[in-house]
N, C-alpha and C. Protein backbone atom coordinates (compact mmCIF):
# COMPACT_ATOMS: atom_id res chain seq x y z
N MET A 1 3.60 -3.76 -16.45
CA MET A 1 3.84 -4.44 -16.17
C MET A 1 4.71 -5.58 -14.92
N CYS A 2 3.66 -6.87 -14.44
CA CYS A 2 4.41 -7.31 -13.28
C CYS A 2 3.60 -8.48 -13.36
N GLU A 3 4.29 -9.32 -12.76
CA GLU A 3 3.08 -11.04 -11.57
C GLU A 3 2.03 -10.33 -11.21
N GLN A 4 0.73 -11.05 -10.62
CA GLN A 4 0.07 -10.80 -9.89
C GLN A 4 -0.16 -12.57 -8.88
N TYR A 5 -0.28 -12.46 -7.57
CA TYR A 5 -0.90 -13.19 -7.09
C TYR A 5 -1.72 -13.53 -6.32
N GLU A 6 -2.48 -14.12 -5.61
CA GLU A 6 -3.87 -13.76 -5.33
C GLU A 6 -3.16 -15.11 -3.68
N ARG A 7 -3.48 -14.73 -2.29
CA ARG A 7 -2.98 -15.15 -1.15
C ARG A 7 -3.79 -14.62 -0.35
N THR A 8 -3.99 -15.09 0.92
CA THR A 8 -5.45 -15.28 2.78
C THR A 8 -4.44 -14.96 3.05
N VAL A 9 -4.64 -13.50 4.16
CA VAL A 9 -3.78 -13.13 5.07
C VAL A 9 -4.00 -13.69 6.00
N SER A 10 -2.69 -14.20 6.96
CA SER A 10 -3.20 -15.42 7.42
C SER A 10 -3.14 -14.37 9.13
N HIS A 11 -3.13 -15.79 10.23
CA HIS A 11 -4.11 -14.98 11.64
C HIS A 11 -3.57 -13.43 12.28
N ASP A 12 -2.10 -13.64 11.54
CA ASP A 12 -0.76 -12.90 12.02
C ASP A 12 -0.80 -11.79 11.39
N ASN A 13 -1.71 -11.54 10.57
CA ASN A 13 -2.09 -10.31 10.15
C ASN A 13 -0.80 -10.23 9.04
N CYS A 14 -0.19 -11.12 8.65
CA CYS A 14 0.69 -11.32 7.47
C CYS A 14 0.33 -11.59 5.98
N VAL A 15 0.96 -12.27 4.83
CA VAL A 15 1.20 -12.96 3.64
C VAL A 15 2.22 -13.59 3.34
N ARG A 16 2.18 -14.49 3.36
CA ARG A 16 3.25 -15.50 3.39
C ARG A 16 3.21 -15.65 1.03
N PHE A 17 4.95 -15.69 1.10
CA PHE A 17 4.91 -15.18 -0.82
C PHE A 17 6.87 -15.79 -0.59
N GLU A 18 6.03 -16.97 -1.25
CA GLU A 18 8.12 -17.02 -1.99
C GLU A 18 9.32 -17.05 -0.86
N GLY A 19 8.16 -17.58 0.39
CA GLY A 19 9.51 -17.94 1.49
C GLY A 19 9.43 -16.57 2.60
N MET A 20 8.92 -15.28 2.53
CA MET A 20 8.89 -14.16 3.23
C MET A 20 7.77 -14.19 3.45
N ILE A 21 7.76 -13.76 4.88
CA ILE A 21 6.46 -12.74 5.48
C ILE A 21 5.70 -11.03 5.70
N LEU A 22 5.60 -11.19 5.04
CA LEU A 22 5.31 -9.71 4.70
C LEU A 22 3.55 -8.92 5.21
N GLN A 23 4.62 -8.33 6.13
CA GLN A 23 3.43 -8.10 7.63
C GLN A 23 2.17 -6.55 6.94
N ILE A 24 1.30 -6.73 6.59
CA ILE A 24 0.28 -5.14 6.47
C ILE A 24 0.84 -4.82 7.43
N PRO A 25 1.01 -3.66 7.25
CA PRO A 25 0.77 -2.52 8.56
C PRO A 25 -0.43 -2.02 8.85
N ALA A 26 -1.01 -0.84 9.85
CA ALA A 26 -2.41 -0.92 10.26
C ALA A 26 -2.95 0.37 9.31
N ASP A 27 -3.81 0.54 8.89
CA ASP A 27 -4.12 2.00 8.53
C ASP A 27 -5.81 2.28 8.55
N GLN A 28 -5.78 3.15 7.98
CA GLN A 28 -6.86 4.18 8.72
C GLN A 28 -8.79 3.60 8.13
N HIS A 29 -7.97 2.66 7.47
CA HIS A 29 -9.41 2.15 6.48
C HIS A 29 -9.76 0.61 7.53
N ARG A 30 -9.35 -0.32 7.33
CA ARG A 30 -8.99 -1.42 8.29
C ARG A 30 -8.11 -1.92 9.57
N CYS A 31 -8.91 -2.63 10.52
CA CYS A 31 -8.14 -2.76 11.96
C CYS A 31 -7.08 -3.99 11.73
N HIS A 32 -7.52 -4.83 10.61
CA HIS A 32 -6.63 -5.96 10.64
C HIS A 32 -7.39 -6.10 8.98
N TYR A 33 -6.25 -7.03 7.98
CA TYR A 33 -7.13 -7.58 6.79
C TYR A 33 -7.17 -9.77 7.13
N VAL A 34 -7.42 -9.41 8.52
CA VAL A 34 -7.06 -11.82 8.83
C VAL A 34 -7.87 -12.12 7.68
N LYS A 35 -7.25 -13.01 6.83
CA LYS A 35 -8.28 -13.83 6.12
C LYS A 35 -9.25 -13.24 4.75
N ALA A 36 -8.70 -11.69 4.60
CA ALA A 36 -9.29 -11.00 3.44
C ALA A 36 -8.42 -11.71 2.49
N ARG A 37 -8.96 -11.69 1.44
CA ARG A 37 -8.42 -12.14 -0.58
C ARG A 37 -7.33 -11.30 -0.83
N VAL A 38 -5.96 -10.54 -0.65
CA VAL A 38 -5.07 -10.02 -1.53
C VAL A 38 -4.48 -10.90 -2.70
N ARG A 39 -4.33 -9.47 -3.60
CA ARG A 39 -3.28 -9.51 -4.81
C ARG A 39 -1.66 -9.21 -4.10
N VAL A 40 -0.71 -10.54 -4.60
CA VAL A 40 0.69 -9.55 -4.77
C VAL A 40 0.99 -9.61 -6.06
N ASN A 41 1.36 -8.15 -6.27
CA ASN A 41 1.79 -7.81 -7.65
C ASN A 41 3.81 -7.77 -7.45
N ARG A 42 4.15 -8.70 -8.47
CA ARG A 42 5.95 -8.76 -8.25
C ARG A 42 6.52 -7.40 -9.57
N TYR A 43 7.24 -7.22 -10.00
CA TYR A 43 7.40 -5.75 -10.49
C TYR A 43 8.83 -6.30 -11.05
N ALA A 44 9.04 -5.62 -12.37
CA ALA A 44 10.19 -6.50 -13.42
C ALA A 44 11.69 -6.06 -12.20
N SER A 45 11.50 -5.58 -11.58
CA SER A 45 12.41 -5.20 -10.72
C SER A 45 12.77 -5.53 -9.36
N GLY A 46 11.83 -6.05 -9.26
CA GLY A 46 11.07 -7.02 -8.20
C GLY A 46 11.13 -6.67 -6.65
N ALA A 47 10.40 -5.00 -7.38
CA ALA A 47 9.97 -4.66 -5.74
C ALA A 47 8.77 -5.34 -5.25
N ILE A 48 7.47 -5.80 -4.55
CA ILE A 48 6.55 -6.55 -4.41
C ILE A 48 5.47 -5.05 -3.39
N ALA A 49 4.53 -5.30 -4.13
CA ALA A 49 3.54 -4.23 -3.84
C ALA A 49 2.10 -5.27 -2.97
N LEU A 50 1.61 -5.25 -1.56
CA LEU A 50 -0.47 -6.09 -1.77
C LEU A 50 -1.49 -5.57 -1.72
N PHE A 51 -2.32 -5.16 -2.46
CA PHE A 51 -3.43 -4.91 -2.70
C PHE A 51 -4.98 -5.05 -1.95
N HIS A 52 -5.50 -4.70 -1.44
CA HIS A 52 -7.50 -5.23 -0.72
C HIS A 52 -8.27 -4.66 -2.19
N GLY A 53 -7.94 -4.53 -3.45
CA GLY A 53 -9.16 -4.51 -4.74
C GLY A 53 -8.35 -3.78 -5.11
N PRO A 54 -8.76 -2.31 -5.22
CA PRO A 54 -7.59 -0.71 -5.68
C PRO A 54 -6.86 -0.79 -4.92
N ARG A 55 -6.72 -0.57 -3.30
CA ARG A 55 -6.48 0.25 -2.56
C ARG A 55 -4.74 -0.64 -2.22
N GLY A 56 -3.68 0.29 -2.81
CA GLY A 56 -2.62 -0.62 -1.93
C GLY A 56 -2.17 -0.27 -0.41
N LEU A 57 -1.94 -1.29 0.13
CA LEU A 57 -1.67 -1.67 1.27
C LEU A 57 -0.17 -1.93 2.32
N ALA A 58 0.53 -2.48 1.04
CA ALA A 58 2.57 -2.48 1.44
C ALA A 58 3.39 -2.69 0.61
N TYR A 59 3.95 -2.12 0.78
CA TYR A 59 5.26 -2.04 -0.54
C TYR A 59 6.51 -2.71 0.02
N PHE A 60 7.71 -3.28 -0.98
CA PHE A 60 8.75 -4.23 0.18
C PHE A 60 9.30 -4.12 -0.27
N THR A 61 10.85 -3.69 -0.74
CA THR A 61 11.61 -3.95 -1.39
C THR A 61 11.57 -5.54 -2.15
N PRO A 62 12.26 -6.20 -2.96
CA PRO A 62 12.40 -8.01 -2.95
C PRO A 62 12.84 -8.66 -1.97
N GLU A 63 14.34 -7.91 -1.20
CA GLU A 63 14.22 -8.86 -0.18
C GLU A 63 13.21 -8.81 0.85
N GLY A 64 12.14 -7.89 0.65
CA GLY A 64 11.01 -8.28 1.81
C GLY A 64 10.93 -7.29 2.68
N ARG A 65 11.86 -6.28 2.93
CA ARG A 65 11.91 -5.53 3.38
C ARG A 65 10.93 -4.30 3.40
N PRO A 66 9.80 -3.82 4.82
CA PRO A 66 8.87 -2.94 3.98
C PRO A 66 10.02 -1.67 3.36
N ILE A 67 8.95 -0.69 2.15
CA ILE A 67 9.17 0.65 2.03
C ILE A 67 8.37 1.13 2.87
N THR A 68 9.05 2.41 3.33
CA THR A 68 7.75 3.98 3.92
C THR A 68 7.46 4.26 3.37
N GLU A 69 6.88 5.22 3.52
CA GLU A 69 6.41 6.58 2.81
C GLU A 69 7.58 6.64 2.83
N ASN A 70 9.14 7.41 3.41
CA ASN A 70 9.86 8.02 3.46
C ASN A 70 10.87 8.06 1.83
N MET A 71 10.55 6.83 2.22
CA MET A 71 11.76 5.66 1.02
C MET A 71 10.28 6.03 -0.44
N GLN A 72 9.16 5.29 -0.37
CA GLN A 72 8.04 6.24 -1.28
C GLN A 72 8.63 7.52 -2.43
N GLN A 73 8.39 8.75 -1.16
CA GLN A 73 8.82 9.90 -1.18
C GLN A 73 9.28 10.17 -2.73
N ALA A 74 11.08 9.64 -1.79
CA ALA A 74 12.16 9.81 -2.18
C ALA A 74 12.05 8.81 -3.20
N ALA A 75 11.79 8.20 -4.22
CA ALA A 75 12.18 7.46 -5.63
C ALA A 75 11.35 7.89 -6.62
C-alpha cells in the first residue's frame, strides 16, 4: 500500500514533492523526462519512488536522498 501523486517533470529533470527536489537519473530508455507526467509513490516506510507508466525511474529515502542500485540489492 502506498500514497500516489502525479507530478510533471521540470526542465532540470527533477520532480518537486513536499519541499524536496527529486532528480531523475539518466537511463537507457530516455535521455530526459522533461514535461513528462510521472507518478510519485510514498510507501508506509516513508520511502519514495518515481514511475513513468510501469517503469520505475528512481527511488529515494524518506529524506529525499537517492537510493542507489547497491543499496537496493542490500535491502
